[in-house]
Amino acid sequence: MIDIQLHPEGALLPVRAQAGSRRSGLRGEQNGALKVAVTQVAEKGKANKAIIATLSRELGLRRSVIQLLNGKTSSNKKFVVLGVTPDQLARRIQAAIE
C-alpha cells in the first residue's frame, strides 16, 4: 500500500523513480511508494520534470500542483500534491494503475 500522508497544503506522495525506462507510466507500488517510470535519463533534473509530467498526465492533475519536496538526486522522492487529501490522491492512483 502506498504511504500517502497528510501535508498542510495537500498530500505527501512517496515516489520510487525509475529513470531511463522504455515507456513512461505508473508501475504500481514498491516498498510503500508509487513506482513511476520515465524515459528521461537522470541528469540535470530532466527525470524529475518527466516524473511530474507523468504524474500530471496519469492522475489528471495540473503540473503546477505537483512539487518535488525532497530526493532531487535520489530514486526515492517525496512530492507534495497541493489541494488534495490523501484519500482523494489514493483514489486517483488506484484508478490510474488498474
C-alpha atoms as a PDB file:
ATOM      1  CA  MET A   1       0.000   0.000   0.000  1.00  0.00           C
ATOM      2  CA  ILE A   2       1.291   3.462  -0.913  1.00  0.00           C
ATOM      3  CA  ASP A   3       2.040   5.526   2.202  1.00  0.00           C
ATOM      4  CA  ILE A   4       0.320   8.811   1.274  1.00  0.00           C
ATOM      5  CA  GLN A   5       0.414  11.240   4.186  1.00  0.00           C
ATOM      6  CA  LEU A   6      -1.358  14.442   5.069  1.00  0.00           C
ATOM      7  CA  HIS A   7       0.589  17.647   4.387  1.00  0.00           C
ATOM      8  CA  PRO A   8      -0.517  21.156   5.455  1.00  0.00           C
ATOM      9  CA  GLU A   9      -1.013  22.098   1.784  1.00  0.00           C
ATOM     10  CA  GLY A  10      -2.329  18.783   0.451  1.00  0.00           C
ATOM     11  CA  ALA A  11      -0.942  15.244   0.307  1.00  0.00           C
ATOM     12  CA  LEU A  12       2.609  13.912   0.577  1.00  0.00           C
ATOM     13  CA  LEU A  13       3.318  11.267  -2.068  1.00  0.00           C
ATOM     14  CA  PRO A  14       6.386   8.993  -1.843  1.00  0.00           C
ATOM     15  CA  VAL A  15       7.711   8.038  -5.285  1.00  0.00           C
ATOM     16  CA  ARG A  16      10.236   5.423  -6.376  1.00  0.00           C
ATOM     17  CA  ALA A  17      11.672   6.767  -9.630  1.00  0.00           C
ATOM     18  CA  GLN A  18      12.828   4.577 -12.496  1.00  0.00           C
ATOM     19  CA  ALA A  19      14.639   6.807 -14.984  1.00  0.00           C
ATOM     20  CA  GLY A  20      15.711   5.655 -18.434  1.00  0.00           C
ATOM     21  CA  SER A  21      12.795   3.255 -18.863  1.00  0.00           C
ATOM     22  CA  ARG A  22      11.376   2.210 -22.235  1.00  0.00           C
ATOM     23  CA  ARG A  23       7.996   3.779 -21.505  1.00  0.00           C
ATOM     24  CA  SER A  24       6.739   6.346 -19.037  1.00  0.00           C
ATOM     25  CA  GLY A  25       3.933   5.464 -16.667  1.00  0.00           C
ATOM     26  CA  LEU A  26       2.823   4.363 -13.230  1.00  0.00           C
ATOM     27  CA  ARG A  27       4.106   0.892 -12.340  1.00  0.00           C
ATOM     28  CA  GLY A  28       2.277   0.215  -9.064  1.00  0.00           C
ATOM     29  CA  GLU A  29       3.605   0.126  -5.521  1.00  0.00           C
ATOM     30  CA  GLN A  30       7.107  -0.633  -4.276  1.00  0.00           C
ATOM     31  CA  ASN A  31       8.020  -0.511  -0.573  1.00  0.00           C
ATOM     32  CA  GLY A  32       5.239   1.957   0.294  1.00  0.00           C
ATOM     33  CA  ALA A  33       5.951   4.269  -2.646  1.00  0.00           C
ATOM     34  CA  LEU A  34       4.365   4.783  -6.061  1.00  0.00           C
ATOM     35  CA  LYS A  35       6.756   3.464  -8.709  1.00  0.00           C
ATOM     36  CA  VAL A  36       6.981   5.885 -11.630  1.00  0.00           C
ATOM     37  CA  ALA A  37       8.936   5.008 -14.773  1.00  0.00           C
ATOM     38  CA  VAL A  38      10.112   7.723 -17.178  1.00  0.00           C
ATOM     39  CA  THR A  39      12.097   7.590 -20.411  1.00  0.00           C
ATOM     40  CA  GLN A  40      14.282  10.566 -19.476  1.00  0.00           C
ATOM     41  CA  VAL A  41      17.704   9.888 -18.023  1.00  0.00           C
ATOM     42  CA  ALA A  42      18.568  11.154 -14.547  1.00  0.00           C
ATOM     43  CA  GLU A  43      20.639  14.230 -15.402  1.00  0.00           C
ATOM     44  CA  LYS A  44      20.186  17.930 -14.710  1.00  0.00           C
ATOM     45  CA  GLY A  45      16.647  17.476 -13.362  1.00  0.00           C
ATOM     46  CA  LYS A  46      15.252  16.045 -16.618  1.00  0.00           C
ATOM     47  CA  ALA A  47      13.905  12.919 -14.936  1.00  0.00           C
ATOM     48  CA  ASN A  48      12.271  14.956 -12.146  1.00  0.00           C
ATOM     49  CA  LYS A  49      10.438  17.094 -14.718  1.00  0.00           C
ATOM     50  CA  ALA A  50       9.393  13.945 -16.577  1.00  0.00           C
ATOM     51  CA  ILE A  51       8.076  12.398 -13.346  1.00  0.00           C
ATOM     52  CA  ILE A  52       5.949  15.486 -12.681  1.00  0.00           C
ATOM     53  CA  ALA A  53       4.644  15.358 -16.262  1.00  0.00           C
ATOM     54  CA  THR A  54       3.839  11.646 -15.938  1.00  0.00           C
ATOM     55  CA  LEU A  55       2.075  12.104 -12.596  1.00  0.00           C
ATOM     56  CA  SER A  56       0.125  15.022 -14.042  1.00  0.00           C
ATOM     57  CA  ARG A  57      -0.993  13.051 -17.094  1.00  0.00           C
ATOM     58  CA  GLU A  58      -1.779   9.780 -15.321  1.00  0.00           C
ATOM     59  CA  LEU A  59      -3.571  11.316 -12.326  1.00  0.00           C
ATOM     60  CA  GLY A  60      -5.430  14.080 -14.174  1.00  0.00           C
ATOM     61  CA  LEU A  61      -3.753  16.903 -12.253  1.00  0.00           C
ATOM     62  CA  ARG A  62      -2.139  20.163 -13.348  1.00  0.00           C
ATOM     63  CA  ARG A  63       1.646  20.128 -13.263  1.00  0.00           C
ATOM     64  CA  SER A  64       1.642  23.225 -11.064  1.00  0.00           C
ATOM     65  CA  VAL A  65       0.038  21.333  -8.150  1.00  0.00           C
ATOM     66  CA  ILE A  66       2.821  18.703  -8.041  1.00  0.00           C
ATOM     67  CA  GLN A  67       6.010  19.852  -6.338  1.00  0.00           C
ATOM     68  CA  LEU A  68       9.188  17.941  -5.504  1.00  0.00           C
ATOM     69  CA  LEU A  69       9.774  18.206  -1.760  1.00  0.00           C
ATOM     70  CA  ASN A  70      12.927  16.092  -1.380  1.00  0.00           C
ATOM     71  CA  GLY A  71      15.013  13.472  -3.153  1.00  0.00           C
ATOM     72  CA  LYS A  72      16.173  15.637  -6.058  1.00  0.00           C
ATOM     73  CA  THR A  73      19.099  13.321  -6.869  1.00  0.00           C
ATOM     74  CA  SER A  74      17.746  10.111  -5.323  1.00  0.00           C
ATOM     75  CA  SER A  75      15.449   7.471  -6.771  1.00  0.00           C
ATOM     76  CA  ASN A  76      13.360   7.783  -3.585  1.00  0.00           C
ATOM     77  CA  LYS A  77      11.471  11.063  -3.754  1.00  0.00           C
ATOM     78  CA  LYS A  78       8.673  12.867  -1.951  1.00  0.00           C
ATOM     79  CA  PHE A  79       6.212  15.069  -3.802  1.00  0.00           C
ATOM     80  CA  VAL A  80       3.590  17.403  -2.382  1.00  0.00           C
ATOM     81  CA  VAL A  81       0.331  17.368  -4.309  1.00  0.00           C
ATOM     82  CA  LEU A  82      -1.402  20.634  -3.488  1.00  0.00           C
ATOM     83  CA  GLY A  83      -5.122  20.924  -2.824  1.00  0.00           C
ATOM     84  CA  VAL A  84      -5.997  17.225  -2.485  1.00  0.00           C
ATOM     85  CA  THR A  85      -6.489  14.983   0.511  1.00  0.00           C
ATOM     86  CA  PRO A  86      -4.584  11.709   0.882  1.00  0.00           C
ATOM     87  CA  ASP A  87      -7.841   9.801   0.220  1.00  0.00           C
ATOM     88  CA  GLN A  88      -8.546  11.727  -2.989  1.00  0.00           C
ATOM     89  CA  LEU A  89      -4.998  11.125  -4.202  1.00  0.00           C
ATOM     90  CA  ALA A  90      -5.176   7.411  -3.330  1.00  0.00           C
ATOM     91  CA  ARG A  91      -8.394   7.079  -5.380  1.00  0.00           C
ATOM     92  CA  ARG A  92      -6.775   8.781  -8.393  1.00  0.00           C
ATOM     93  CA  ILE A  93      -3.751   6.495  -8.166  1.00  0.00           C
ATOM     94  CA  GLN A  94      -5.911   3.389  -7.804  1.00  0.00           C
ATOM     95  CA  ALA A  95      -7.942   4.351 -10.879  1.00  0.00           C
ATOM     96  CA  ALA A  96      -4.779   5.047 -12.884  1.00  0.00           C
ATOM     97  CA  ILE A  97      -2.999   1.766 -12.151  1.00  0.00           C
ATOM     98  CA  GLU A  98      -5.989  -0.554 -12.609  1.00  0.00           C
END
